[in-house]
Each structure stands twice: as C-alpha cells, then as structure tokens.
Amino acid sequence: MTMTAPADRVRCDEAPFPLEPLRPRIVEIGQSPHLLELCFTRLLRDGIALSYPNSYPPFA
C-alpha cells in the first residue's frame, strides 16, 4: 500500500530561495557565519509550531 501526504501538508526542509547571499551580511554585522543555518532551522521550527495550533493538549 502506497501512502501519500494530504494535499494540505507540504514538506519543506529547504528554503524556496537561496540563503547563502545572507551569510556575508551576517558576518558584516559581527555574527558567526554558522548563524545562518541556526536561524533557518529555528524559522522552520517556529513556523511548524505556529501552523498547528491546538494540536497538543494543554500542560495543565
């Protein structure tokens, strides 16, 4: 049996645009060059969290 993802769910583990041109600017403002990857992974994490409201039971 073949399983497919629902049409309203899209896997996105890459940016739809190049991020590498941002690296020199990150260095220019005094940040570490590896910050680009960290910012992108946090953006994905937060975007996923915000797209699934009420999907987790409350803590209390």
PDB file of N, CA and C in Angstrom:
ATOM      1  N   MET A   1       0.844  -1.182   0.000  1.00  0.00           N
ATOM      2  CA  MET A   1       0.000   0.000   0.000  1.00  0.00           C
ATOM      3  C   MET A   1       0.892   1.249   0.000  1.00  0.00           C
ATOM      4  N   THR A   2       0.630   2.160  -0.901  1.00  0.00           N
ATOM      5  CA  THR A   2       1.379   3.398  -1.000  1.00  0.00           C
ATOM      6  C   THR A   2       0.677   4.476  -0.196  1.00  0.00           C
ATOM      7  N   MET A   3       1.462   5.154   0.634  1.00  0.00           N
ATOM      8  CA  MET A   3       0.886   6.243   1.431  1.00  0.00           C
ATOM      9  C   MET A   3       1.357   7.572   0.866  1.00  0.00           C
ATOM     10  N   THR A   4       0.462   8.500   0.751  1.00  0.00           N
ATOM     11  CA  THR A   4       0.803   9.836   0.283  1.00  0.00           C
ATOM     12  C   THR A   4       0.362  10.851   1.321  1.00  0.00           C
ATOM     13  N   ALA A   5       1.063  11.971   1.342  1.00  0.00           N
ATOM     14  CA  ALA A   5       0.718  13.044   2.270  1.00  0.00           C
ATOM     15  C   ALA A   5      -0.531  13.764   1.781  1.00  0.00           C
ATOM     16  N   PRO A   6      -1.369  14.236   2.698  1.00  0.00           N
ATOM     17  CA  PRO A   6      -2.530  15.017   2.291  1.00  0.00           C
ATOM     18  C   PRO A   6      -2.098  16.251   1.497  1.00  0.00           C
ATOM     19  N   ALA A   7      -2.946  16.725   0.636  1.00  0.00           N
ATOM     20  CA  ALA A   7      -2.610  17.861  -0.230  1.00  0.00           C
ATOM     21  C   ALA A   7      -2.339  19.140   0.551  1.00  0.00           C
ATOM     22  N   ASP A   8      -2.877  19.259   1.760  1.00  0.00           N
ATOM     23  CA  ASP A   8      -2.679  20.488   2.524  1.00  0.00           C
ATOM     24  C   ASP A   8      -1.397  20.455   3.357  1.00  0.00           C
ATOM     25  N   ARG A   9      -0.621  19.399   3.255  1.00  0.00           N
ATOM     26  CA  ARG A   9       0.638  19.306   4.010  1.00  0.00           C
ATOM     27  C   ARG A   9       1.786  19.167   3.026  1.00  0.00           C
ATOM     28  N   VAL A  10       2.723  20.077   3.109  1.00  0.00           N
ATOM     29  CA  VAL A  10       3.859  20.084   2.201  1.00  0.00           C
ATOM     30  C   VAL A  10       5.133  20.001   3.019  1.00  0.00           C
ATOM     31  N   ARG A  11       6.019  19.133   2.619  1.00  0.00           N
ATOM     32  CA  ARG A  11       7.310  19.011   3.308  1.00  0.00           C
ATOM     33  C   ARG A  11       8.224  20.112   2.791  1.00  0.00           C
ATOM     34  N   CYS A  12       8.785  20.874   3.694  1.00  0.00           N
ATOM     35  CA  CYS A  12       9.689  21.957   3.313  1.00  0.00           C
ATOM     36  C   CYS A  12      10.900  21.912   4.229  1.00  0.00           C
ATOM     37  N   ASP A  13      11.972  21.313   3.757  1.00  0.00           N
ATOM     38  CA  ASP A  13      13.186  21.305   4.567  1.00  0.00           C
ATOM     39  C   ASP A  13      14.291  22.122   3.906  1.00  0.00           C
ATOM     40  N   GLU A  14      13.917  22.896   2.896  1.00  0.00           N
ATOM     41  CA  GLU A  14      14.827  23.812   2.247  1.00  0.00           C
ATOM     42  C   GLU A  14      14.103  25.131   2.024  1.00  0.00           C
ATOM     43  N   ALA A  15      14.877  26.177   1.918  1.00  0.00           N
ATOM     44  CA  ALA A  15      14.278  27.471   1.618  1.00  0.00           C
ATOM     45  C   ALA A  15      13.896  27.516   0.145  1.00  0.00           C
ATOM     46  N   PRO A  16      12.799  28.150  -0.199  1.00  0.00           N
ATOM     47  CA  PRO A  16      12.408  28.277  -1.606  1.00  0.00           C
ATOM     48  C   PRO A  16      13.226  29.339  -2.330  1.00  0.00           C
ATOM     49  N   PHE A  17      14.202  29.909  -1.654  1.00  0.00           N
ATOM     50  CA  PHE A  17      15.083  30.919  -2.225  1.00  0.00           C
ATOM     51  C   PHE A  17      16.471  30.705  -1.626  1.00  0.00           C
ATOM     52  N   PRO A  18      17.533  31.155  -2.287  1.00  0.00           N
ATOM     53  CA  PRO A  18      18.886  30.922  -1.766  1.00  0.00           C
ATOM     54  C   PRO A  18      19.163  31.743  -0.508  1.00  0.00           C
ATOM     55  N   LEU A  19      19.695  31.092   0.506  1.00  0.00           N
ATOM     56  CA  LEU A  19      20.036  31.778   1.748  1.00  0.00           C
ATOM     57  C   LEU A  19      21.501  32.220   1.792  1.00  0.00           C
ATOM     58  N   GLU A  20      22.322  31.584   0.978  1.00  0.00           N
ATOM     59  CA  GLU A  20      23.759  31.852   1.026  1.00  0.00           C
ATOM     60  C   GLU A  20      24.130  33.328   0.847  1.00  0.00           C
ATOM     61  N   PRO A  21      23.429  34.111   0.036  1.00  0.00           N
ATOM     62  CA  PRO A  21      23.768  35.536  -0.067  1.00  0.00           C
ATOM     63  C   PRO A  21      23.625  36.301   1.255  1.00  0.00           C
ATOM     64  N   LEU A  22      22.909  35.737   2.217  1.00  0.00           N
ATOM     65  CA  LEU A  22      22.763  36.403   3.518  1.00  0.00           C
ATOM     66  C   LEU A  22      23.990  36.230   4.406  1.00  0.00           C
ATOM     67  N   ARG A  23      24.802  35.184   4.157  1.00  0.00           N
ATOM     68  CA  ARG A  23      25.929  34.895   5.032  1.00  0.00           C
ATOM     69  C   ARG A  23      26.912  36.067   5.157  1.00  0.00           C
ATOM     70  N   PRO A  24      27.330  36.724   4.057  1.00  0.00           N
ATOM     71  CA  PRO A  24      28.250  37.864   4.211  1.00  0.00           C
ATOM     72  C   PRO A  24      27.662  38.985   5.068  1.00  0.00           C
ATOM     73  N   ARG A  25      26.375  39.204   4.954  1.00  0.00           N
ATOM     74  CA  ARG A  25      25.735  40.258   5.759  1.00  0.00           C
ATOM     75  C   ARG A  25      25.735  39.890   7.235  1.00  0.00           C
ATOM     76  N   ILE A  26      25.524  38.606   7.529  1.00  0.00           N
ATOM     77  CA  ILE A  26      25.554  38.148   8.916  1.00  0.00           C
ATOM     78  C   ILE A  26      26.938  38.378   9.509  1.00  0.00           C
ATOM     79  N   VAL A  27      27.982  38.067   8.742  1.00  0.00           N
ATOM     80  CA  VAL A  27      29.358  38.283   9.200  1.00  0.00           C
ATOM     81  C   VAL A  27      29.635  39.778   9.335  1.00  0.00           C
ATOM     82  N   GLU A  28      29.120  40.550   8.387  1.00  0.00           N
ATOM     83  CA  GLU A  28      29.327  42.000   8.397  1.00  0.00           C
ATOM     84  C   GLU A  28      28.788  42.647   9.671  1.00  0.00           C
ATOM     85  N   ILE A  29      27.700  42.136  10.209  1.00  0.00           N
ATOM     86  CA  ILE A  29      27.143  42.728  11.424  1.00  0.00           C
ATOM     87  C   ILE A  29      27.750  42.131  12.690  1.00  0.00           C
ATOM     88  N   GLY A  30      28.796  41.296  12.497  1.00  0.00           N
ATOM     89  CA  GLY A  30      29.539  40.799  13.645  1.00  0.00           C
ATOM     90  C   GLY A  30      29.085  39.465  14.199  1.00  0.00           C
ATOM     91  N   GLN A  31      28.283  38.738  13.452  1.00  0.00           N
ATOM     92  CA  GLN A  31      27.807  37.439  13.928  1.00  0.00           C
ATOM     93  C   GLN A  31      28.607  36.313  13.274  1.00  0.00           C
ATOM     94  N   SER A  32      28.527  35.144  13.869  1.00  0.00           N
ATOM     95  CA  SER A  32      29.224  33.972  13.351  1.00  0.00           C
ATOM     96  C   SER A  32      28.571  33.500  12.047  1.00  0.00           C
ATOM     97  N   PRO A  33      29.361  33.046  11.072  1.00  0.00           N
ATOM     98  CA  PRO A  33      28.788  32.589   9.804  1.00  0.00           C
ATOM     99  C   PRO A  33      27.815  31.420   9.949  1.00  0.00           C
ATOM    100  N   HIS A  34      27.989  30.576  10.983  1.00  0.00           N
ATOM    101  CA  HIS A  34      27.090  29.425  11.152  1.00  0.00           C
ATOM    102  C   HIS A  34      25.699  29.830  11.632  1.00  0.00           C
ATOM    103  N   LEU A  35      25.534  31.093  11.964  1.00  0.00           N
ATOM    104  CA  LEU A  35      24.240  31.582  12.428  1.00  0.00           C
ATOM    105  C   LEU A  35      23.157  31.456  11.356  1.00  0.00           C
ATOM    106  N   LEU A  36      23.561  31.457  10.090  1.00  0.00           N
ATOM    107  CA  LEU A  36      22.592  31.318   9.003  1.00  0.00           C
ATOM    108  C   LEU A  36      21.808  30.020   9.128  1.00  0.00           C
ATOM    109  N   GLU A  37      22.496  28.908   9.344  1.00  0.00           N
ATOM    110  CA  GLU A  37      21.821  27.622   9.484  1.00  0.00           C
ATOM    111  C   GLU A  37      20.944  27.597  10.728  1.00  0.00           C
ATOM    112  N   LEU A  38      21.444  28.146  11.818  1.00  0.00           N
ATOM    113  CA  LEU A  38      20.681  28.172  13.064  1.00  0.00           C
ATOM    114  C   LEU A  38      19.396  28.984  12.902  1.00  0.00           C
ATOM    115  N   CYS A  39      19.499  30.126  12.266  1.00  0.00           N
ATOM    116  CA  CYS A  39      18.303  30.956  12.048  1.00  0.00           C
ATOM    117  C   CYS A  39      17.283  30.230  11.180  1.00  0.00           C
ATOM    118  N   PHE A  40      17.767  29.542  10.146  1.00  0.00           N
ATOM    119  CA  PHE A  40      16.842  28.841   9.256  1.00  0.00           C
ATOM    120  C   PHE A  40      16.153  27.693   9.979  1.00  0.00           C
ATOM    121  N   THR A  41      16.894  26.916  10.770  1.00  0.00           N
ATOM    122  CA  THR A  41      16.256  25.808  11.472  1.00  0.00           C
ATOM    123  C   THR A  41      15.257  26.312  12.510  1.00  0.00           C
ATOM    124  N   ARG A  42      15.573  27.417  13.153  1.00  0.00           N
ATOM    125  CA  ARG A  42      14.617  27.982  14.116  1.00  0.00           C
ATOM    126  C   ARG A  42      13.380  28.539  13.413  1.00  0.00           C
ATOM    127  N   LEU A  43      13.580  29.111  12.244  1.00  0.00           N
ATOM    128  CA  LEU A  43      12.442  29.601  11.467  1.00  0.00           C
ATOM    129  C   LEU A  43      11.519  28.449  11.093  1.00  0.00           C
ATOM    130  N   LEU A  44      12.094  27.329  10.652  1.00  0.00           N
ATOM    131  CA  LEU A  44      11.278  26.160  10.334  1.00  0.00           C
ATOM    132  C   LEU A  44      10.549  25.643  11.564  1.00  0.00           C
ATOM    133  N   ARG A  45      11.271  25.527  12.673  1.00  0.00           N
ATOM    134  CA  ARG A  45      10.664  25.020  13.908  1.00  0.00           C
ATOM    135  C   ARG A  45       9.490  25.894  14.341  1.00  0.00           C
ATOM    136  N   ASP A  46       9.711  27.203  14.359  1.00  0.00           N
ATOM    137  CA  ASP A  46       8.649  28.107  14.804  1.00  0.00           C
ATOM    138  C   ASP A  46       7.486  28.126  13.829  1.00  0.00           C
ATOM    139  N   GLY A  47       7.786  28.045  12.538  1.00  0.00           N
ATOM    140  CA  GLY A  47       6.717  28.012  11.547  1.00  0.00           C
ATOM    141  C   GLY A  47       5.847  26.776  11.687  1.00  0.00           C
ATOM    142  N   ILE A  48       6.476  25.643  11.938  1.00  0.00           N
ATOM    143  CA  ILE A  48       5.718  24.410  12.142  1.00  0.00           C
ATOM    144  C   ILE A  48       4.865  24.526  13.397  1.00  0.00           C
ATOM    145  N   ALA A  49       5.453  25.042  14.470  1.00  0.00           N
ATOM    146  CA  ALA A  49       4.706  25.177  15.721  1.00  0.00           C
ATOM    147  C   ALA A  49       3.501  26.101  15.557  1.00  0.00           C
ATOM    148  N   LEU A  50       3.676  27.173  14.817  1.00  0.00           N
ATOM    149  CA  LEU A  50       2.576  28.125  14.634  1.00  0.00           C
ATOM    150  C   LEU A  50       1.512  27.612  13.676  1.00  0.00           C
ATOM    151  N   SER A  51       1.880  26.672  12.811  1.00  0.00           N
ATOM    152  CA  SER A  51       0.905  26.183  11.841  1.00  0.00           C
ATOM    153  C   SER A  51       0.007  25.089  12.400  1.00  0.00           C
ATOM    154  N   TYR A  52       0.299  24.595  13.578  1.00  0.00           N
ATOM    155  CA  TYR A  52      -0.511  23.537  14.178  1.00  0.00           C
ATOM    156  C   TYR A  52      -1.077  23.959  15.533  1.00  0.00           C
ATOM    157  N   PRO A  53      -1.830  25.048  15.580  1.00  0.00           N
ATOM    158  CA  PRO A  53      -2.400  25.442  16.874  1.00  0.00           C
ATOM    159  C   PRO A  53      -3.399  24.400  17.358  1.00  0.00           C
ATOM    160  N   ASN A  54      -3.441  24.247  18.655  1.00  0.00           N
ATOM    161  CA  ASN A  54      -4.354  23.308  19.315  1.00  0.00           C
ATOM    162  C   ASN A  54      -4.083  21.850  18.960  1.00  0.00           C
ATOM    163  N   SER A  55      -2.896  21.544  18.464  1.00  0.00           N
ATOM    164  CA  SER A  55      -2.609  20.161  18.119  1.00  0.00           C
ATOM    165  C   SER A  55      -2.027  19.393  19.310  1.00  0.00           C
ATOM    166  N   TYR A  56      -1.654  20.092  20.360  1.00  0.00           N
ATOM    167  CA  TYR A  56      -1.140  19.457  21.572  1.00  0.00           C
ATOM    168  C   TYR A  56      -2.059  19.726  22.742  1.00  0.00           C
ATOM    169  N   PRO A  57      -2.202  18.785  23.635  1.00  0.00           N
ATOM    170  CA  PRO A  57      -3.053  19.029  24.813  1.00  0.00           C
ATOM    171  C   PRO A  57      -2.391  20.049  25.736  1.00  0.00           C
ATOM    172  N   PRO A  58      -3.165  20.787  26.494  1.00  0.00           N
ATOM    173  CA  PRO A  58      -2.591  21.762  27.419  1.00  0.00           C
ATOM    174  C   PRO A  58      -1.758  21.077  28.494  1.00  0.00           C
ATOM    175  N   PHE A  59      -0.792  21.805  29.049  1.00  0.00           N
ATOM    176  CA  PHE A  59       0.079  21.252  30.083  1.00  0.00           C
ATOM    177  C   PHE A  59      -0.650  21.081  31.409  1.00  0.00           C
ATOM    178  N   ALA A  60      -1.601  21.954  31.668  1.00  0.00           N
ATOM    179  CA  ALA A  60      -2.297  21.914  32.964  1.00  0.00           C
ATOM    180  C   ALA A  60      -3.460  20.948  32.948  1.00  0.00           C
TER     181      ALA A  60
END
